[in-house]
Amino acid sequence: GFDTVVFEENLKEIKKHFRPTNIQASEGHGLKYNFQYTTTI
């Protein structure tokens, strides 16, 4: 169901308002994001 093109388009929109951070710095104020990678075989 994942579509790389759709993902990139939505991420482009998010990046206009949000900034990347790590989970330890997620507290506080503002619009932030990070990624979660689930490792499998």
Full PDB file with SEQRES, HELIX, SHEET, SSBOND, CRYST1, ORIGX, SCALE, CONECT and MASTER records, all heavy atoms in Angstrom:
SEQRES   1 A   41  GLY PHE ASP THR VAL VAL PHE GLU GLU ASN LEU LYS GLU          
SEQRES   2 A   41  ILE LYS LYS HIS PHE ARG PRO THR ASN ILE GLN ALA SER          
SEQRES   3 A   41  GLU GLY HIS GLY LEU LYS TYR ASN PHE GLN TYR THR THR          
SEQRES   4 A   41  THR ILE                                                      
HELIX    1 AA1 THR A    4  ILE A   14  1                                  11    
HELIX    2 AA2 ILE A   23  ALA A   25  5                                   3    
SHEET    1 AA1 2 ARG A  19  PRO A  20  0                                        
SHEET    2 AA1 2 LYS A  32  TYR A  33  1                                        
CRYST1    1.000    1.000    1.000  90.00  90.00  90.00 P 1           1          
ORIGX1      1.000000  0.000000  0.000000        0.00000                         
ORIGX2      0.000000  1.000000  0.000000        0.00000                         
ORIGX3      0.000000  0.000000  1.000000        0.00000                         
SCALE1      1.000000  0.000000  0.000000        0.00000                         
SCALE2      0.000000  1.000000  0.000000        0.00000                         
SCALE3      0.000000  0.000000  1.000000        0.00000                         
ATOM      1  N   GLY A   1       0.821  -1.207   0.000  1.00  0.00           N  
ATOM      2  CA  GLY A   1       0.000   0.000   0.000  1.00  0.00           C  
ATOM      3  C   GLY A   1       0.851   1.251   0.000  1.00  0.00           C  
ATOM      4  O   GLY A   1       0.395   2.334  -0.377  1.00  0.00           O  
ATOM      5  N   PHE A   2       2.105   1.114   0.421  1.00  0.00           N  
ATOM      6  CA  PHE A   2       3.032   2.244   0.430  1.00  0.00           C  
ATOM      7  C   PHE A   2       3.368   2.641  -1.001  1.00  0.00           C  
ATOM      8  O   PHE A   2       3.632   1.803  -1.857  1.00  0.00           O  
ATOM      9  CB  PHE A   2       4.309   1.862   1.179  1.00  0.00           C  
ATOM     10  CG  PHE A   2       5.387   2.915   1.171  1.00  0.00           C  
ATOM     11  CD1 PHE A   2       5.318   4.000   2.024  1.00  0.00           C  
ATOM     12  CD2 PHE A   2       6.467   2.816   0.304  1.00  0.00           C  
ATOM     13  CE1 PHE A   2       6.314   4.971   2.030  1.00  0.00           C  
ATOM     14  CE2 PHE A   2       7.474   3.770   0.303  1.00  0.00           C  
ATOM     15  CZ  PHE A   2       7.388   4.852   1.167  1.00  0.00           C  
ATOM     16  N   ASP A   3       3.348   3.950  -1.266  1.00  0.00           N  
ATOM     17  CA  ASP A   3       3.664   4.501  -2.585  1.00  0.00           C  
ATOM     18  C   ASP A   3       4.725   5.568  -2.379  1.00  0.00           C  
ATOM     19  O   ASP A   3       4.471   6.593  -1.748  1.00  0.00           O  
ATOM     20  CB  ASP A   3       2.400   5.081  -3.221  1.00  0.00           C  
ATOM     21  CG  ASP A   3       2.618   5.574  -4.644  1.00  0.00           C  
ATOM     22  OD1 ASP A   3       3.604   6.307  -4.879  1.00  0.00           O  
ATOM     23  OD2 ASP A   3       1.797   5.249  -5.516  1.00  0.00           O  
ATOM     24  N   THR A   4       5.903   5.353  -2.930  1.00  0.00           N  
ATOM     25  CA  THR A   4       7.014   6.274  -2.704  1.00  0.00           C  
ATOM     26  C   THR A   4       6.695   7.673  -3.207  1.00  0.00           C  
ATOM     27  O   THR A   4       7.058   8.675  -2.562  1.00  0.00           O  
ATOM     28  CB  THR A   4       8.296   5.746  -3.373  1.00  0.00           C  
ATOM     29  OG1 THR A   4       8.600   4.439  -2.847  1.00  0.00           O  
ATOM     30  CG2 THR A   4       9.478   6.670  -3.112  1.00  0.00           C  
ATOM     31  N   VAL A   5       6.001   7.791  -4.325  1.00  0.00           N  
ATOM     32  CA  VAL A   5       5.681   9.108  -4.893  1.00  0.00           C  
ATOM     33  C   VAL A   5       4.738   9.864  -3.954  1.00  0.00           C  
ATOM     34  O   VAL A   5       4.952  11.046  -3.649  1.00  0.00           O  
ATOM     35  CB  VAL A   5       5.063   8.967  -6.302  1.00  0.00           C  
ATOM     36  CG1 VAL A   5       4.586  10.325  -6.809  1.00  0.00           C  
ATOM     37  CG2 VAL A   5       6.074   8.355  -7.270  1.00  0.00           C  
ATOM     38  N   VAL A   6       3.682   9.204  -3.489  1.00  0.00           N  
ATOM     39  CA  VAL A   6       2.738   9.834  -2.553  1.00  0.00           C  
ATOM     40  C   VAL A   6       3.455  10.218  -1.260  1.00  0.00           C  
ATOM     41  O   VAL A   6       3.249  11.309  -0.713  1.00  0.00           O  
ATOM     42  CB  VAL A   6       1.554   8.896  -2.257  1.00  0.00           C  
ATOM     43  CG1 VAL A   6       0.676   9.456  -1.149  1.00  0.00           C  
ATOM     44  CG2 VAL A   6       0.734   8.664  -3.523  1.00  0.00           C  
ATOM     45  N   PHE A   7       4.296   9.331  -0.779  1.00  0.00           N  
ATOM     46  CA  PHE A   7       5.061   9.590   0.439  1.00  0.00           C  
ATOM     47  C   PHE A   7       5.910  10.853   0.287  1.00  0.00           C  
ATOM     48  O   PHE A   7       5.918  11.726   1.161  1.00  0.00           O  
ATOM     49  CB  PHE A   7       5.949   8.379   0.731  1.00  0.00           C  
ATOM     50  CG  PHE A   7       6.922   8.571   1.861  1.00  0.00           C  
ATOM     51  CD1 PHE A   7       6.498   8.501   3.176  1.00  0.00           C  
ATOM     52  CD2 PHE A   7       8.262   8.813   1.607  1.00  0.00           C  
ATOM     53  CE1 PHE A   7       7.394   8.668   4.224  1.00  0.00           C  
ATOM     54  CE2 PHE A   7       9.165   8.980   2.635  1.00  0.00           C  
ATOM     55  CZ  PHE A   7       8.733   8.908   3.948  1.00  0.00           C  
ATOM     56  N   GLU A   8       6.598  10.982  -0.809  1.00  0.00           N  
ATOM     57  CA  GLU A   8       7.455  12.146  -1.038  1.00  0.00           C  
ATOM     58  C   GLU A   8       6.628  13.427  -1.167  1.00  0.00           C  
ATOM     59  O   GLU A   8       7.026  14.482  -0.668  1.00  0.00           O  
ATOM     60  CB  GLU A   8       8.315  11.941  -2.288  1.00  0.00           C  
ATOM     61  CG  GLU A   8       9.448  10.941  -2.115  1.00  0.00           C  
ATOM     62  CD  GLU A   8      10.571  11.471  -1.236  1.00  0.00           C  
ATOM     63  OE1 GLU A   8      10.563  12.678  -0.891  1.00  0.00           O  
ATOM     64  OE2 GLU A   8      11.463  10.686  -0.878  1.00  0.00           O  
ATOM     65  N   GLU A   9       5.486  13.339  -1.819  1.00  0.00           N  
ATOM     66  CA  GLU A   9       4.626  14.525  -1.968  1.00  0.00           C  
ATOM     67  C   GLU A   9       4.125  15.005  -0.613  1.00  0.00           C  
ATOM     68  O   GLU A   9       4.151  16.206  -0.315  1.00  0.00           O  
ATOM     69  CB  GLU A   9       3.448  14.197  -2.887  1.00  0.00           C  
ATOM     70  CG  GLU A   9       3.839  14.039  -4.355  1.00  0.00           C  
ATOM     71  CD  GLU A   9       2.665  13.598  -5.210  1.00  0.00           C  
ATOM     72  OE1 GLU A   9       1.600  13.258  -4.633  1.00  0.00           O  
ATOM     73  OE2 GLU A   9       2.806  13.574  -6.452  1.00  0.00           O  
ATOM     74  N   ASN A  10       3.659  14.082   0.228  1.00  0.00           N  
ATOM     75  CA  ASN A  10       3.149  14.464   1.543  1.00  0.00           C  
ATOM     76  C   ASN A  10       4.263  14.939   2.464  1.00  0.00           C  
ATOM     77  O   ASN A  10       4.078  15.864   3.259  1.00  0.00           O  
ATOM     78  CB  ASN A  10       2.390  13.297   2.178  1.00  0.00           C  
ATOM     79  CG  ASN A  10       1.045  13.052   1.513  1.00  0.00           C  
ATOM     80  OD1 ASN A  10       0.501  13.928   0.842  1.00  0.00           O  
ATOM     81  ND2 ASN A  10       0.493  11.864   1.688  1.00  0.00           N  
ATOM     82  N   LEU A  11       5.423  14.329   2.334  1.00  0.00           N  
ATOM     83  CA  LEU A  11       6.552  14.754   3.156  1.00  0.00           C  
ATOM     84  C   LEU A  11       7.003  16.162   2.760  1.00  0.00           C  
ATOM     85  O   LEU A  11       7.383  16.972   3.620  1.00  0.00           O  
ATOM     86  CB  LEU A  11       7.702  13.762   2.999  1.00  0.00           C  
ATOM     87  CG  LEU A  11       8.855  13.863   3.997  1.00  0.00           C  
ATOM     88  CD1 LEU A  11       8.351  13.826   5.434  1.00  0.00           C  
ATOM     89  CD2 LEU A  11       9.850  12.734   3.753  1.00  0.00           C  
ATOM     90  N   LYS A  12       6.936  16.459   1.496  1.00  0.00           N  
ATOM     91  CA  LYS A  12       7.271  17.813   1.034  1.00  0.00           C  
ATOM     92  C   LYS A  12       6.354  18.848   1.679  1.00  0.00           C  
ATOM     93  O   LYS A  12       6.792  19.922   2.101  1.00  0.00           O  
ATOM     94  CB  LYS A  12       7.157  17.877  -0.491  1.00  0.00           C  
ATOM     95  CG  LYS A  12       7.514  19.233  -1.097  1.00  0.00           C  
ATOM     96  CD  LYS A  12       7.387  19.203  -2.612  1.00  0.00           C  
ATOM     97  CE  LYS A  12       7.717  20.557  -3.219  1.00  0.00           C  
ATOM     98  NZ  LYS A  12       7.570  20.531  -4.708  1.00  0.00           N  
ATOM     99  N   GLU A  13       5.058  18.523   1.785  1.00  0.00           N  
ATOM    100  CA  GLU A  13       4.096  19.425   2.420  1.00  0.00           C  
ATOM    101  C   GLU A  13       4.369  19.548   3.919  1.00  0.00           C  
ATOM    102  O   GLU A  13       4.329  20.649   4.484  1.00  0.00           O  
ATOM    103  CB  GLU A  13       2.677  18.905   2.180  1.00  0.00           C  
ATOM    104  CG  GLU A  13       1.572  19.802   2.700  1.00  0.00           C  
ATOM    105  CD  GLU A  13       1.471  21.135   1.977  1.00  0.00           C  
ATOM    106  OE1 GLU A  13       1.976  21.233   0.840  1.00  0.00           O  
ATOM    107  OE2 GLU A  13       0.902  22.084   2.561  1.00  0.00           O  
ATOM    108  N   ILE A  14       4.666  18.424   4.555  1.00  0.00           N  
ATOM    109  CA  ILE A  14       4.964  18.429   5.993  1.00  0.00           C  
ATOM    110  C   ILE A  14       6.176  19.304   6.287  1.00  0.00           C  
ATOM    111  O   ILE A  14       6.207  20.069   7.262  1.00  0.00           O  
ATOM    112  CB  ILE A  14       5.202  16.982   6.483  1.00  0.00           C  
ATOM    113  CG1 ILE A  14       3.877  16.224   6.582  1.00  0.00           C  
ATOM    114  CG2 ILE A  14       5.937  16.951   7.824  1.00  0.00           C  
ATOM    115  CD1 ILE A  14       2.944  16.743   7.643  1.00  0.00           C  
ATOM    116  N   LYS A  15       7.189  19.211   5.471  1.00  0.00           N  
ATOM    117  CA  LYS A  15       8.446  19.927   5.731  1.00  0.00           C  
ATOM    118  C   LYS A  15       8.300  21.439   5.629  1.00  0.00           C  
ATOM    119  O   LYS A  15       9.162  22.180   6.101  1.00  0.00           O  
ATOM    120  CB  LYS A  15       9.532  19.425   4.788  1.00  0.00           C  
ATOM    121  CG  LYS A  15      10.031  18.023   5.141  1.00  0.00           C  
ATOM    122  CD  LYS A  15      10.853  17.390   4.030  1.00  0.00           C  
ATOM    123  CE  LYS A  15      12.117  18.138   3.721  1.00  0.00           C  
ATOM    124  NZ  LYS A  15      12.915  17.469   2.676  1.00  0.00           N  
ATOM    125  N   LYS A  16       7.205  21.922   5.053  1.00  0.00           N  
ATOM    126  CA  LYS A  16       6.949  23.365   5.021  1.00  0.00           C  
ATOM    127  C   LYS A  16       6.622  23.899   6.413  1.00  0.00           C  
ATOM    128  O   LYS A  16       6.796  25.092   6.684  1.00  0.00           O  
ATOM    129  CB  LYS A  16       5.788  23.681   4.072  1.00  0.00           C  
ATOM    130  CG  LYS A  16       6.067  23.391   2.608  1.00  0.00           C  
ATOM    131  CD  LYS A  16       4.813  23.673   1.782  1.00  0.00           C  
ATOM    132  CE  LYS A  16       5.022  23.317   0.317  1.00  0.00           C  
ATOM    133  NZ  LYS A  16       3.765  23.519  -0.477  1.00  0.00           N  
ATOM    134  N   HIS A  17       6.128  23.021   7.287  1.00  0.00           N  
ATOM    135  CA  HIS A  17       5.635  23.452   8.598  1.00  0.00           C  
ATOM    136  C   HIS A  17       6.323  22.734   9.767  1.00  0.00           C  
ATOM    137  O   HIS A  17       6.371  23.270  10.868  1.00  0.00           O  
ATOM    138  CB  HIS A  17       4.123  23.199   8.692  1.00  0.00           C  
ATOM    139  CG  HIS A  17       3.351  23.732   7.531  1.00  0.00           C  
ATOM    140  ND1 HIS A  17       3.005  25.058   7.415  1.00  0.00           N  
ATOM    141  CD2 HIS A  17       2.879  23.111   6.408  1.00  0.00           C  
ATOM    142  CE1 HIS A  17       2.338  25.235   6.272  1.00  0.00           C  
ATOM    143  NE2 HIS A  17       2.237  24.071   5.656  1.00  0.00           N  
ATOM    144  N   PHE A  18       6.817  21.526   9.518  1.00  0.00           N  
ATOM    145  CA  PHE A  18       7.413  20.704  10.558  1.00  0.00           C  
ATOM    146  C   PHE A  18       8.924  20.637  10.380  1.00  0.00           C  
ATOM    147  O   PHE A  18       9.440  20.838   9.277  1.00  0.00           O  
ATOM    148  CB  PHE A  18       6.870  19.269  10.495  1.00  0.00           C  
ATOM    149  CG  PHE A  18       5.449  19.103  10.953  1.00  0.00           C  
ATOM    150  CD1 PHE A  18       4.388  19.651  10.240  1.00  0.00           C  
ATOM    151  CD2 PHE A  18       5.151  18.362  12.087  1.00  0.00           C  
ATOM    152  CE1 PHE A  18       3.076  19.480  10.645  1.00  0.00           C  
ATOM    153  CE2 PHE A  18       3.837  18.188  12.506  1.00  0.00           C  
ATOM    154  CZ  PHE A  18       2.803  18.738  11.792  1.00  0.00           C  
ATOM    155  N   ARG A  19       9.612  20.321  11.463  1.00  0.00           N  
ATOM    156  CA  ARG A  19      11.053  20.123  11.367  1.00  0.00           C  
ATOM    157  C   ARG A  19      11.414  18.759  11.944  1.00  0.00           C  
ATOM    158  O   ARG A  19      10.785  18.271  12.883  1.00  0.00           O  
ATOM    159  CB  ARG A  19      11.810  21.225  12.102  1.00  0.00           C  
ATOM    160  CG  ARG A  19      11.441  21.407  13.547  1.00  0.00           C  
ATOM    161  CD  ARG A  19      12.008  22.713  14.096  1.00  0.00           C  
ATOM    162  NE  ARG A  19      11.501  23.012  15.421  1.00  0.00           N  
ATOM    163  CZ  ARG A  19      12.123  22.701  16.550  1.00  0.00           C  
ATOM    164  NH1 ARG A  19      13.282  22.067  16.506  1.00  0.00           N  
ATOM    165  NH2 ARG A  19      11.603  23.021  17.722  1.00  0.00           N  
ATOM    166  N   PRO A  20      12.452  18.110  11.404  1.00  0.00           N  
ATOM    167  CA  PRO A  20      12.836  16.794  11.919  1.00  0.00           C  
ATOM    168  C   PRO A  20      13.507  16.899  13.284  1.00  0.00           C  
ATOM    169  O   PRO A  20      14.181  17.880  13.588  1.00  0.00           O  
ATOM    170  CB  PRO A  20      13.819  16.278  10.860  1.00  0.00           C  
ATOM    171  CG  PRO A  20      14.413  17.520  10.264  1.00  0.00           C  
ATOM    172  CD  PRO A  20      13.304  18.542  10.292  1.00  0.00           C  
ATOM    173  N   THR A  21      13.315  15.879  14.091  1.00  0.00           N  
ATOM    174  CA  THR A  21      13.963  15.830  15.400  1.00  0.00           C  
ATOM    175  C   THR A  21      14.107  14.373  15.795  1.00  0.00           C  
ATOM    176  O   THR A  21      13.608  13.471  15.118  1.00  0.00           O  
ATOM    177  CB  THR A  21      13.152  16.608  16.451  1.00  0.00           C  
ATOM    178  OG1 THR A  21      13.914  16.724  17.657  1.00  0.00           O  
ATOM    179  CG2 THR A  21      11.842  15.909  16.758  1.00  0.00           C  
ATOM    180  N   ASN A  22      14.796  14.114  16.907  1.00  0.00           N  
ATOM    181  CA  ASN A  22      14.825  12.750  17.421  1.00  0.00           C  
ATOM    182  C   ASN A  22      13.863  12.647  18.590  1.00  0.00           C  
ATOM    183  O   ASN A  22      13.431  13.650  19.149  1.00  0.00           O  
ATOM    184  CB  ASN A  22      16.246  12.304  17.797  1.00  0.00           C  
ATOM    185  CG  ASN A  22      16.833  13.125  18.929  1.00  0.00           C  
ATOM    186  OD1 ASN A  22      16.276  13.201  20.016  1.00  0.00           O  
ATOM    187  ND2 ASN A  22      17.985  13.729  18.679  1.00  0.00           N  
ATOM    188  N   ILE A  23      13.521  11.431  18.954  1.00  0.00           N  
ATOM    189  CA  ILE A  23      12.457  11.210  19.927  1.00  0.00           C  
ATOM    190  C   ILE A  23      12.807  11.802  21.284  1.00  0.00           C  
ATOM    191  O   ILE A  23      11.949  12.258  22.025  1.00  0.00           O  
ATOM    192  CB  ILE A  23      12.125   9.703  20.043  1.00  0.00           C  
ATOM    193  CG1 ILE A  23      10.808   9.467  20.778  1.00  0.00           C  
ATOM    194  CG2 ILE A  23      13.259   8.950  20.699  1.00  0.00           C  
ATOM    195  CD1 ILE A  23       9.591   9.908  20.015  1.00  0.00           C  
ATOM    196  N   GLN A  24      14.111  11.845  21.619  1.00  0.00           N  
ATOM    197  CA  GLN A  24      14.508  12.431  22.897  1.00  0.00           C  
ATOM    198  C   GLN A  24      14.239  13.922  22.943  1.00  0.00           C  
ATOM    199  O   GLN A  24      14.093  14.501  24.016  1.00  0.00           O  
ATOM    200  CB  GLN A  24      15.992  12.171  23.187  1.00  0.00           C  
ATOM    201  CG  GLN A  24      16.304  10.736  23.608  1.00  0.00           C  
ATOM    202  CD  GLN A  24      16.561   9.820  22.428  1.00  0.00           C  
ATOM    203  OE1 GLN A  24      16.349  10.216  21.282  1.00  0.00           O  
ATOM    204  NE2 GLN A  24      17.014   8.612  22.689  1.00  0.00           N  
ATOM    205  N   ALA A  25      14.185  14.558  21.773  1.00  0.00           N  
ATOM    206  CA  ALA A  25      13.922  15.999  21.712  1.00  0.00           C  
ATOM    207  C   ALA A  25      12.487  16.302  21.314  1.00  0.00           C  
ATOM    208  O   ALA A  25      12.164  17.409  20.912  1.00  0.00           O  
ATOM    209  CB  ALA A  25      14.886  16.655  20.723  1.00  0.00           C  
ATOM    210  N   SER A  26      11.610  15.304  21.448  1.00  0.00           N  
ATOM    211  CA  SER A  26      10.231  15.488  20.999  1.00  0.00           C  
ATOM    212  C   SER A  26       9.394  16.290  21.986  1.00  0.00           C  
ATOM    213  O   SER A  26       8.342  16.801  21.638  1.00  0.00           O  
ATOM    214  CB  SER A  26       9.568  14.131  20.753  1.00  0.00           C  
ATOM    215  OG  SER A  26       9.465  13.398  21.962  1.00  0.00           O  
ATOM    216  N   GLU A  27       9.851  16.399  23.238  1.00  0.00           N  
ATOM    217  CA  GLU A  27       9.108  17.198  24.204  1.00  0.00           C  
ATOM    218  C   GLU A  27       9.243  18.684  23.869  1.00  0.00           C  
ATOM    219  O   GLU A  27      10.147  19.104  23.161  1.00  0.00           O  
ATOM    220  CB  GLU A  27       9.627  16.927  25.621  1.00  0.00           C  
ATOM    221  CG  GLU A  27       9.305  15.530  26.133  1.00  0.00           C  
ATOM    222  CD  GLU A  27       7.825  15.260  26.205  1.00  0.00           C  
ATOM    223  OE1 GLU A  27       7.087  16.123  26.714  1.00  0.00           O  
ATOM    224  OE2 GLU A  27       7.397  14.191  25.751  1.00  0.00           O  
ATOM    225  N   GLY A  28       8.354  19.465  24.425  1.00  0.00           N  
ATOM    226  CA  GLY A  28       8.425  20.898  24.180  1.00  0.00           C  
ATOM    227  C   GLY A  28       7.340  21.350  23.234  1.00  0.00           C  
ATOM    228  O   GLY A  28       6.246  20.807  23.220  1.00  0.00           O  
ATOM    229  N   HIS A  29       7.648  22.344  22.418  1.00  0.00           N  
ATOM    230  CA  HIS A  29       6.636  22.982  21.598  1.00  0.00           C  
ATOM    231  C   HIS A  29       6.997  22.864  20.123  1.00  0.00           C  
ATOM    232  O   HIS A  29       8.145  22.652  19.753  1.00  0.00           O  
ATOM    233  CB  HIS A  29       6.518  24.467  21.971  1.00  0.00           C  
ATOM    234  CG  HIS A  29       6.465  24.706  23.444  1.00  0.00           C  
ATOM    235  ND1 HIS A  29       7.079  25.774  24.045  1.00  0.00           N  
ATOM    236  CD2 HIS A  29       5.880  23.986  24.446  1.00  0.00           C  
ATOM    237  CE1 HIS A  29       6.875  25.718  25.351  1.00  0.00           C  
ATOM    238  NE2 HIS A  29       6.155  24.649  25.617  1.00  0.00           N  
ATOM    239  N   GLY A  30       5.976  23.028  19.286  1.00  0.00           N  
ATOM    240  CA  GLY A  30       6.224  23.093  17.858  1.00  0.00           C  
ATOM    241  C   GLY A  30       5.728  21.876  17.099  1.00  0.00           C  
ATOM    242  O   GLY A  30       5.142  20.944  17.645  1.00  0.00           O  
ATOM    243  N   LEU A  31       5.970  21.907  15.811  1.00  0.00           N  
ATOM    244  CA  LEU A  31       5.569  20.855  14.882  1.00  0.00           C  
ATOM    245  C   LEU A  31       6.818  20.090  14.482  1.00  0.00           C  
ATOM    246  O   LEU A  31       7.733  20.654  13.882  1.00  0.00           O  
ATOM    247  CB  LEU A  31       4.888  21.461  13.660  1.00  0.00           C  
ATOM    248  CG  LEU A  31       3.728  22.432  13.944  1.00  0.00           C  
ATOM    249  CD1 LEU A  31       3.213  23.040  12.640  1.00  0.00           C  
ATOM    250  CD2 LEU A  31       2.597  21.734  14.683  1.00  0.00           C  
ATOM    251  N   LYS A  32       6.864  18.805  14.821  1.00  0.00           N  
ATOM    252  CA  LYS A  32       8.074  18.023  14.629  1.00  0.00           C  
ATOM    253  C   LYS A  32       7.731  16.647  14.062  1.00  0.00           C  
ATOM    254  O   LYS A  32       6.600  16.185  14.176  1.00  0.00           O  
ATOM    255  CB  LYS A  32       8.824  17.845  15.961  1.00  0.00           C  
ATOM    256  CG  LYS A  32       9.132  19.153  16.685  1.00  0.00           C  
ATOM    257  CD  LYS A  32       9.723  18.899  18.056  1.00  0.00           C  
ATOM    258  CE  LYS A  32       9.908  20.194  18.827  1.00  0.00           C  
ATOM    259  NZ  LYS A  32      10.460  19.962  20.185  1.00  0.00           N  
ATOM    260  N   TYR A  33       8.735  16.001  13.486  1.00  0.00           N  
ATOM    261  CA  TYR A  33       8.521  14.649  12.987  1.00  0.00           C  
ATOM    262  C   TYR A  33       9.810  13.842  13.072  1.00  0.00           C  
ATOM    263  O   TYR A  33      10.912  14.391  13.158  1.00  0.00           O  
ATOM    264  CB  TYR A  33       8.016  14.656  11.536  1.00  0.00           C  
ATOM    265  CG  TYR A  33       9.030  15.094  10.502  1.00  0.00           C  
ATOM    266  CD1 TYR A  33       9.879  14.172   9.883  1.00  0.00           C  
ATOM    267  CD2 TYR A  33       9.142  16.432  10.121  1.00  0.00           C  
ATOM    268  CE1 TYR A  33      10.806  14.577   8.927  1.00  0.00           C  
ATOM    269  CE2 TYR A  33      10.056  16.848   9.162  1.00  0.00           C  
ATOM    270  CZ  TYR A  33      10.885  15.908   8.570  1.00  0.00           C  
ATOM    271  OH  TYR A  33      11.811  16.301   7.628  1.00  0.00           O  
ATOM    272  N   ASN A  34       9.645  12.528  13.077  1.00  0.00           N  
ATOM    273  CA  ASN A  34      10.763  11.619  12.859  1.00  0.00           C  
ATOM    274  C   ASN A  34      10.243  10.399  12.111  1.00  0.00           C  
ATOM    275  O   ASN A  34       9.079  10.367  11.703  1.00  0.00           O  
ATOM    276  CB  ASN A  34      11.458  11.248  14.178  1.00  0.00           C  
ATOM    277  CG  ASN A  34      10.715  10.189  14.981  1.00  0.00           C  
ATOM    278  OD1 ASN A  34       9.527   9.918  14.756  1.00  0.00           O  
ATOM    279  ND2 ASN A  34      11.396   9.590  15.936  1.00  0.00           N  
ATOM    280  N   PHE A  35      11.101   9.417  11.929  1.00  0.00           N  
ATOM    281  CA  PHE A  35      10.717   8.205  11.210  1.00  0.00           C  
ATOM    282  C   PHE A  35      10.888   6.989  12.106  1.00  0.00           C  
ATOM    283  O   PHE A  35      11.747   6.960  12.996  1.00  0.00           O  
ATOM    284  CB  PHE A  35      11.557   8.035   9.941  1.00  0.00           C  
ATOM    285  CG  PHE A  35      11.339   9.128   8.938  1.00  0.00           C  
ATOM    286  CD1 PHE A  35      12.195  10.213   8.889  1.00  0.00           C  
ATOM    287  CD2 PHE A  35      10.269   9.084   8.061  1.00  0.00           C  
ATOM    288  CE1 PHE A  35      11.993  11.239   7.981  1.00  0.00           C  
ATOM    289  CE2 PHE A  35      10.056  10.103   7.144  1.00  0.00           C  
ATOM    290  CZ  PHE A  35      10.922  11.192   7.100  1.00  0.00           C  
ATOM    291  N   GLN A  36      10.058   5.994  11.863  1.00  0.00           N  
ATOM    292  CA  GLN A  36      10.162   4.716  12.554  1.00  0.00           C  
ATOM    293  C   GLN A  36      10.379   3.620  11.526  1.00  0.00           C  
ATOM    294  O   GLN A  36       9.592   3.470  10.593  1.00  0.00           O  
ATOM    295  CB  GLN A  36       8.901   4.433  13.379  1.00  0.00           C  
ATOM    296  CG  GLN A  36       8.715   5.388  14.537  1.00  0.00           C  
ATOM    297  CD  GLN A  36       7.570   5.001  15.444  1.00  0.00           C  
ATOM    298  OE1 GLN A  36       6.656   4.286  15.040  1.00  0.00           O  
ATOM    299  NE2 GLN A  36       7.603   5.468  16.679  1.00  0.00           N  
ATOM    300  N   TYR A  37      11.451   2.875  11.717  1.00  0.00           N  
ATOM    301  CA  TYR A  37      11.853   1.818  10.793  1.00  0.00           C  
ATOM    302  C   TYR A  37      11.751   0.486  11.531  1.00  0.00           C  
ATOM    303  O   TYR A  37      12.452   0.260  12.517  1.00  0.00           O  
ATOM    304  CB  TYR A  37      13.290   2.068  10.347  1.00  0.00           C  
ATOM    305  CG  TYR A  37      13.830   1.190   9.242  1.00  0.00           C  
ATOM    306  CD1 TYR A  37      13.836   1.626   7.920  1.00  0.00           C  
ATOM    307  CD2 TYR A  37      14.395  -0.053   9.520  1.00  0.00           C  
ATOM    308  CE1 TYR A  37      14.380   0.841   6.904  1.00  0.00           C  
ATOM    309  CE2 TYR A  37      14.934  -0.849   8.517  1.00  0.00           C  
ATOM    310  CZ  TYR A  37      14.920  -0.391   7.207  1.00  0.00           C  
ATOM    311  OH  TYR A  37      15.465  -1.167   6.204  1.00  0.00           O  
ATOM    312  N   THR A  38      10.832  -0.363  11.096  1.00  0.00           N  
ATOM    313  CA  THR A  38      10.663  -1.671  11.722  1.00  0.00           C  
ATOM    314  C   THR A  38      11.489  -2.693  10.958  1.00  0.00           C  
ATOM    315  O   THR A  38      11.246  -2.949   9.776  1.00  0.00           O  
ATOM    316  CB  THR A  38       9.183  -2.083  11.729  1.00  0.00           C  
ATOM    317  OG1 THR A  38       8.433  -1.112  12.467  1.00  0.00           O  
ATOM    318  CG2 THR A  38       9.011  -3.451  12.381  1.00  0.00           C  
ATOM    319  N   THR A  39      12.470  -3.265  11.630  1.00  0.00           N  
ATOM    320  CA  THR A  39      13.410  -4.177  10.988  1.00  0.00           C  
ATOM    321  C   THR A  39      12.880  -5.603  11.007  1.00  0.00           C  
ATOM    322  O   THR A  39      12.458  -6.118  12.042  1.00  0.00           O  
ATOM    323  CB  THR A  39      14.775  -4.121  11.692  1.00  0.00           C  
ATOM    324  OG1 THR A  39      15.179  -2.766  11.829  1.00  0.00           O  
ATOM    325  CG2 THR A  39      15.817  -4.871  10.887  1.00  0.00           C  
ATOM    326  N   THR A  40      12.922  -6.235   9.837  1.00  0.00           N  
ATOM    327  CA  THR A  40      12.492  -7.621   9.673  1.00  0.00           C  
ATOM    328  C   THR A  40      13.507  -8.320   8.769  1.00  0.00           C  
ATOM    329  O   THR A  40      14.481  -7.710   8.304  1.00  0.00           O  
ATOM    330  CB  THR A  40      11.112  -7.699   8.999  1.00  0.00           C  
ATOM    331  OG1 THR A  40      11.251  -7.245   7.627  1.00  0.00           O  
ATOM    332  CG2 THR A  40      10.080  -6.837   9.709  1.00  0.00           C  
ATOM    333  N   ILE A  41      13.260  -9.585   8.487  1.00  0.00           N  
ATOM    334  CA  ILE A  41      14.125 -10.291   7.543  1.00  0.00           C  
ATOM    335  C   ILE A  41      14.007  -9.702   6.142  1.00  0.00           C  
ATOM    336  O   ILE A  41      14.864  -9.938   5.290  1.00  0.00           O  
ATOM    337  CB  ILE A  41      13.823 -11.806   7.509  1.00  0.00           C  
ATOM    338  CG1 ILE A  41      12.413 -12.079   6.969  1.00  0.00           C  
ATOM    339  CG2 ILE A  41      14.000 -12.421   8.881  1.00  0.00           C  
ATOM    340  CD1 ILE A  41      12.115 -13.554   6.718  1.00  0.00           C  
TER     341      ILE A  41                                                      
MASTER        0    0    0    2    2    0    0    6  340    1    0    4          
END                                                                             
